[in-house]
Amino acid sequence: MAQGLGGAYERMVSVAVAALHEREPRRLWPLLANALPDLLGAETVIYKLDDWNESAGTVGVSPAAAARFGRLGDEAMGLLRTGYPFARHYATGPDRAPVTARQAAGAAWSASETARLIGDLLDADHVLGIPLPRSAAPITGCLVYRRGRDFSDDHVRVAEQVQPLLAAVEQQRQLLERWQFLTAGNLVRDAPGEQPVTDLGLTPRETAVLVLLSDALTATAMGRRLGISDRTVHKHIANVYRKLGTHDRISTVLRAQRLGLVPAPSGAASH
């Protein structure tokens, strides 16, 4: 079992690395949701992001269950959105360790309305909650569904190992969405004497670092946000300098602003 889980975890790392090179933020979590069931011996993943509640917010599902998920009525969807028993479990304190539904609710889980719903509609018996490590109410992260036997201790340990990967991809998604929003329609094209923006070759990870550079964060603070080491941050910064033809933070941010890669300060004059 441990060897099989180890191999699946290596595949999950590969998926996470691929996700971090994806330029379209909407594709990041579907990539993860497609890989998590194999890693944890499950069939379905539901992920909850941003601000969500029983009636609204970002909730997605692994591709294998997309058809069934799309047929859920408002009442059933609302019940799944409440996240019983995990929302209550994680609301009691700062602990964000993955737990199974049975660990969170005890014997009450099997007789719950949510357990009956997932049995009828998702053909599952058990749920493993994997919250994002720093999420606050509403708790964001994913729920992994499995039929037959409950999730093992090995599965829970692997879920703990996977949490930093999920957190890194989610941080990347938020930064790319922010970058898309701030730069929509603002990219400078074919400016005299300038290399075309599309030829700069910034990777999605370098784009995220550029956004944080414009926030004047230190390398250490960037590393905490992105879940990477200071050394890796400095490597990305060096690549950004090279691709933008700059040599320090100030000139890099100024050129990025001029190209529309990051927003200029409110009220700044155009040149």
Protein backbone atom coordinates (compact mmCIF):
# COMPACT_ATOMS: atom_id res chain seq x y z
CA MET A 1 0.00 0.00 0.00
CA ALA A 2 2.68 2.51 0.99
CA GLN A 3 4.66 1.81 -2.19
CA GLY A 4 1.56 2.31 -4.36
CA LEU A 5 0.73 5.55 -2.62
CA GLY A 6 4.31 6.70 -3.06
CA GLY A 7 4.09 6.19 -6.82
CA ALA A 8 0.77 8.02 -6.95
CA TYR A 9 2.25 10.87 -4.92
CA GLU A 10 5.09 11.23 -7.44
CA ARG A 11 2.49 11.49 -10.20
CA MET A 12 0.65 14.12 -8.19
CA VAL A 13 3.85 16.15 -7.85
CA SER A 14 4.23 15.98 -11.63
CA VAL A 15 0.64 17.21 -12.07
CA ALA A 16 1.25 20.07 -9.62
CA VAL A 17 4.41 21.08 -11.50
CA ALA A 18 2.46 21.00 -14.76
CA ALA A 19 -0.26 23.14 -13.16
CA LEU A 20 2.29 25.74 -12.11
CA HIS A 21 3.28 26.09 -15.78
CA GLU A 22 -0.33 26.52 -16.91
CA ARG A 23 -1.14 30.08 -18.03
CA GLU A 24 -4.93 29.84 -17.74
CA PRO A 25 -5.97 29.96 -14.05
CA ARG A 26 -9.32 28.26 -14.71
CA ARG A 27 -7.51 25.07 -15.74
CA LEU A 28 -5.42 24.66 -12.57
CA TRP A 29 -7.89 23.01 -10.21
CA PRO A 30 -9.41 20.71 -12.86
CA LEU A 31 -5.86 19.37 -13.39
CA LEU A 32 -5.54 18.64 -9.66
CA ALA A 33 -9.06 17.24 -9.35
CA ASN A 34 -8.34 14.80 -12.16
CA ALA A 35 -5.25 13.45 -10.37
CA LEU A 36 -6.34 13.36 -6.71
CA PRO A 37 -8.71 10.36 -6.96
CA ASP A 38 -5.91 8.13 -8.22
CA LEU A 39 -3.63 9.32 -5.45
CA LEU A 40 -6.13 8.58 -2.68
CA GLY A 41 -7.93 5.53 -4.04
CA ALA A 42 -11.10 7.55 -4.58
CA GLU A 43 -13.60 8.24 -7.34
CA THR A 44 -14.65 11.87 -7.03
CA VAL A 45 -13.23 15.22 -5.89
CA ILE A 46 -15.20 18.37 -5.16
CA TYR A 47 -13.21 21.56 -4.60
CA LYS A 48 -14.38 24.81 -3.00
CA LEU A 49 -12.53 28.08 -3.59
CA ASP A 50 -12.88 31.79 -2.89
CA ASP A 51 -16.04 32.86 -1.04
CA TRP A 52 -18.71 30.16 -1.24
CA ASN A 53 -21.83 29.22 0.66
CA GLU A 54 -24.95 27.08 0.22
CA SER A 55 -26.10 29.08 -2.80
CA ALA A 56 -23.09 30.71 -4.47
CA GLY A 57 -19.32 30.63 -4.94
CA THR A 58 -16.69 28.62 -6.79
CA VAL A 59 -17.32 24.88 -6.48
CA GLY A 60 -15.96 22.39 -9.02
CA VAL A 61 -15.67 18.64 -9.46
CA SER A 62 -13.30 16.10 -10.96
CA PRO A 63 -14.02 15.34 -14.65
CA ALA A 64 -15.16 11.76 -13.98
CA ALA A 65 -18.13 13.01 -11.95
CA ALA A 66 -18.91 16.17 -13.91
CA ALA A 67 -22.04 14.75 -15.57
CA ARG A 68 -23.61 13.58 -12.30
CA PHE A 69 -22.58 16.77 -10.56
CA GLY A 70 -24.29 18.85 -13.23
CA ARG A 71 -27.60 17.06 -12.64
CA LEU A 72 -27.76 17.87 -8.93
CA GLY A 73 -30.75 19.98 -7.94
CA ASP A 74 -30.52 23.12 -5.84
CA GLU A 75 -31.35 21.31 -2.60
CA ALA A 76 -28.77 18.58 -3.14
CA MET A 77 -26.16 21.11 -4.26
CA GLY A 78 -26.85 23.23 -1.20
CA LEU A 79 -26.36 20.20 1.03
CA LEU A 80 -23.00 19.40 -0.57
CA ARG A 81 -21.97 23.04 -0.32
CA THR A 82 -22.51 23.10 3.45
CA GLY A 83 -19.58 20.67 3.76
CA TYR A 84 -20.98 18.61 6.63
CA PRO A 85 -19.25 17.63 8.90
CA PHE A 86 -16.04 19.43 7.89
CA ALA A 87 -17.21 23.05 8.08
CA ARG A 88 -18.22 22.51 11.70
CA HIS A 89 -15.05 20.56 12.50
CA TYR A 90 -12.64 23.19 11.15
CA ALA A 91 -14.63 26.09 12.62
CA THR A 92 -13.64 25.02 16.14
CA GLY A 93 -9.99 26.09 15.83
CA PRO A 94 -6.97 26.72 13.58
CA ASP A 95 -6.14 23.04 12.93
CA ARG A 96 -6.34 22.27 9.20
CA ALA A 97 -5.15 18.66 9.22
CA PRO A 98 -7.02 16.41 6.77
CA VAL A 99 -9.70 14.24 8.42
CA THR A 100 -12.30 11.77 7.26
CA ALA A 101 -16.01 12.40 7.73
CA ARG A 102 -16.14 9.58 10.29
CA GLN A 103 -13.26 11.12 12.25
CA ALA A 104 -15.04 14.48 12.24
CA ALA A 105 -18.57 13.27 13.03
CA GLY A 106 -18.17 9.80 14.52
CA ALA A 107 -21.08 7.37 14.20
CA ALA A 108 -23.41 10.25 13.27
CA TRP A 109 -21.82 10.38 9.81
CA SER A 110 -23.41 7.18 8.44
CA ALA A 111 -26.92 8.30 9.44
CA SER A 112 -26.53 11.86 8.16
CA GLU A 113 -28.45 13.39 5.27
CA THR A 114 -25.16 14.17 3.52
CA ALA A 115 -24.00 10.53 3.70
CA ARG A 116 -27.30 9.40 2.15
CA LEU A 117 -26.97 12.02 -0.58
CA ILE A 118 -23.46 11.07 -1.65
CA GLY A 119 -24.46 7.41 -1.59
CA ASP A 120 -27.42 8.02 -3.88
CA LEU A 121 -25.91 10.56 -6.25
CA LEU A 122 -22.16 10.01 -6.16
CA ASP A 123 -22.07 6.29 -5.32
CA ALA A 124 -19.70 7.00 -2.44
CA ASP A 125 -19.64 6.02 1.23
CA HIS A 126 -16.78 8.03 2.70
CA VAL A 127 -15.30 11.52 2.45
CA LEU A 128 -11.85 12.88 3.22
CA GLY A 129 -11.56 16.62 3.79
CA ILE A 130 -8.33 18.33 2.67
CA PRO A 131 -8.53 22.04 3.56
CA LEU A 132 -6.02 24.55 2.31
CA PRO A 133 -3.59 25.09 5.20
CA ARG A 134 -4.23 28.79 5.81
CA SER A 135 -7.87 29.03 4.83
CA ALA A 136 -10.33 30.78 7.10
CA ALA A 137 -14.11 30.66 7.07
CA PRO A 138 -15.46 29.63 4.68
CA ILE A 139 -12.87 26.84 4.65
CA THR A 140 -11.47 26.33 1.16
CA GLY A 141 -9.95 23.13 -0.21
CA CYS A 142 -11.35 19.84 -1.45
CA LEU A 143 -13.46 16.86 -0.45
CA VAL A 144 -12.45 13.45 -1.77
CA TYR A 145 -15.13 10.74 -2.08
CA ARG A 146 -14.62 6.98 -1.94
CA ARG A 147 -16.86 3.91 -2.00
CA GLY A 148 -16.39 0.70 0.03
CA ARG A 149 -13.75 0.93 2.75
CA ASP A 150 -13.02 4.18 4.52
CA PHE A 151 -9.82 6.10 3.82
CA SER A 152 -6.82 4.51 5.54
CA ASP A 153 -4.28 6.19 7.80
CA ASP A 154 -1.88 6.04 4.84
CA HIS A 155 -4.37 7.99 2.71
CA VAL A 156 -4.70 10.65 5.40
CA ARG A 157 -0.90 10.96 5.68
CA VAL A 158 -0.58 11.37 1.91
CA ALA A 159 -3.33 14.00 2.03
CA GLU A 160 -1.21 15.89 4.57
CA GLN A 161 1.76 15.71 2.20
CA VAL A 162 -0.37 16.97 -0.68
CA GLN A 163 -1.69 20.03 1.17
CA PRO A 164 1.33 22.26 0.36
CA LEU A 165 1.01 21.35 -3.34
CA LEU A 166 -2.66 22.31 -3.35
CA ALA A 167 -1.89 25.54 -1.51
CA ALA A 168 0.85 26.47 -4.00
CA VAL A 169 -1.41 25.89 -6.99
CA GLU A 170 -4.23 27.88 -5.38
CA GLN A 171 -1.90 30.79 -4.67
CA GLN A 172 -0.77 30.64 -8.30
CA ARG A 173 -4.39 30.65 -9.46
CA GLN A 174 -5.20 33.73 -7.41
CA LEU A 175 -2.14 35.63 -8.64
CA LEU A 176 -2.80 34.76 -12.30
CA GLU A 177 -6.45 35.79 -11.96
CA ARG A 178 -5.34 39.05 -10.36
CA TRP A 179 -2.82 39.61 -13.16
CA GLN A 180 -5.46 38.92 -15.83
CA PHE A 181 -7.89 41.33 -14.17
CA LEU A 182 -5.38 44.14 -13.69
CA THR A 183 -3.88 43.89 -17.17
CA ALA A 184 -7.06 43.26 -19.17
CA GLY A 185 -6.75 45.38 -22.29
CA ASN A 186 -3.65 47.16 -20.98
CA LEU A 187 -0.79 45.22 -22.57
CA VAL A 188 1.34 47.49 -24.74
CA ARG A 189 1.82 46.05 -28.21
CA ASP A 190 4.44 47.02 -30.77
CA ALA A 191 5.64 50.06 -28.85
CA PRO A 192 8.47 51.76 -30.76
CA GLY A 193 11.81 50.28 -29.78
CA GLU A 194 10.23 47.73 -27.43
CA GLN A 195 10.32 43.96 -27.67
CA PRO A 196 6.72 42.70 -28.17
CA VAL A 197 5.17 41.68 -24.85
CA THR A 198 4.26 38.27 -26.25
CA ASP A 199 7.96 37.63 -26.98
CA LEU A 200 9.16 38.27 -23.43
CA GLY A 201 8.64 34.62 -22.55
CA LEU A 202 7.62 35.03 -18.91
CA THR A 203 6.42 31.75 -17.45
CA PRO A 204 3.25 31.68 -15.31
CA ARG A 205 5.44 31.34 -12.20
CA GLU A 206 7.59 34.31 -13.24
CA THR A 207 4.42 36.30 -13.89
CA ALA A 208 3.26 35.54 -10.33
CA VAL A 209 6.65 36.68 -8.97
CA LEU A 210 6.41 39.89 -11.04
CA VAL A 211 3.00 40.63 -9.49
CA LEU A 212 4.50 40.19 -6.02
CA LEU A 213 7.49 42.33 -6.98
CA SER A 214 5.07 45.13 -7.77
CA ASP A 215 3.68 44.71 -4.24
CA ALA A 216 7.20 45.41 -2.89
CA LEU A 217 7.34 42.09 -1.04
CA THR A 218 10.67 40.72 0.14
CA ALA A 219 11.96 37.44 -1.26
CA THR A 220 11.15 35.78 2.05
CA ALA A 221 7.57 37.07 1.96
CA MET A 222 7.21 35.92 -1.66
CA GLY A 223 8.48 32.50 -0.71
CA ARG A 224 5.88 32.22 2.04
CA ARG A 225 3.11 33.27 -0.34
CA LEU A 226 4.21 30.86 -3.06
CA GLY A 227 5.35 27.99 -0.84
CA ILE A 228 8.90 28.00 -2.21
CA SER A 229 12.38 28.74 -0.87
CA ASP A 230 14.09 32.14 -0.91
CA ARG A 231 16.65 30.66 -3.32
CA THR A 232 13.93 29.67 -5.79
CA VAL A 233 12.35 33.12 -5.49
CA HIS A 234 15.69 34.76 -6.32
CA LYS A 235 16.06 32.46 -9.33
CA HIS A 236 12.64 33.54 -10.63
CA ILE A 237 13.49 37.20 -10.00
CA ALA A 238 16.75 36.83 -11.93
CA ASN A 239 14.81 35.32 -14.86
CA VAL A 240 12.34 38.21 -14.78
CA TYR A 241 15.21 40.74 -14.84
CA ARG A 242 16.83 38.96 -17.77
CA LYS A 243 13.63 38.73 -19.81
CA LEU A 244 12.65 42.35 -19.19
CA GLY A 245 16.23 43.58 -19.71
CA THR A 246 16.44 45.17 -16.26
CA HIS A 247 18.82 44.91 -13.33
CA ASP A 248 16.92 45.86 -10.18
CA ARG A 249 13.43 45.86 -8.70
CA ILE A 250 12.58 49.49 -9.36
CA SER A 251 13.48 49.45 -13.04
CA THR A 252 11.75 46.07 -13.43
CA VAL A 253 8.48 47.28 -11.93
CA LEU A 254 8.62 50.54 -13.90
CA ARG A 255 9.15 48.71 -17.18
CA ALA A 256 6.45 46.16 -16.33
CA GLN A 257 4.07 49.07 -15.63
CA ARG A 258 4.98 50.73 -18.92
CA LEU A 259 4.28 47.48 -20.78
CA GLY A 260 1.01 46.97 -18.95
CA LEU A 261 2.25 43.78 -17.28
CA VAL A 262 1.38 45.23 -13.87
CA PRO A 263 -0.80 48.27 -13.13
CA ALA A 264 0.77 51.67 -12.69
CA PRO A 265 0.04 53.52 -9.44
CA SER A 266 -3.25 55.37 -9.45
CA GLY A 267 -2.77 58.87 -10.82
CA ALA A 268 0.66 58.12 -12.36
CA ALA A 269 1.39 60.03 -15.51
CA SER A 270 1.74 58.18 -18.80
CA HIS A 271 4.94 58.49 -20.77
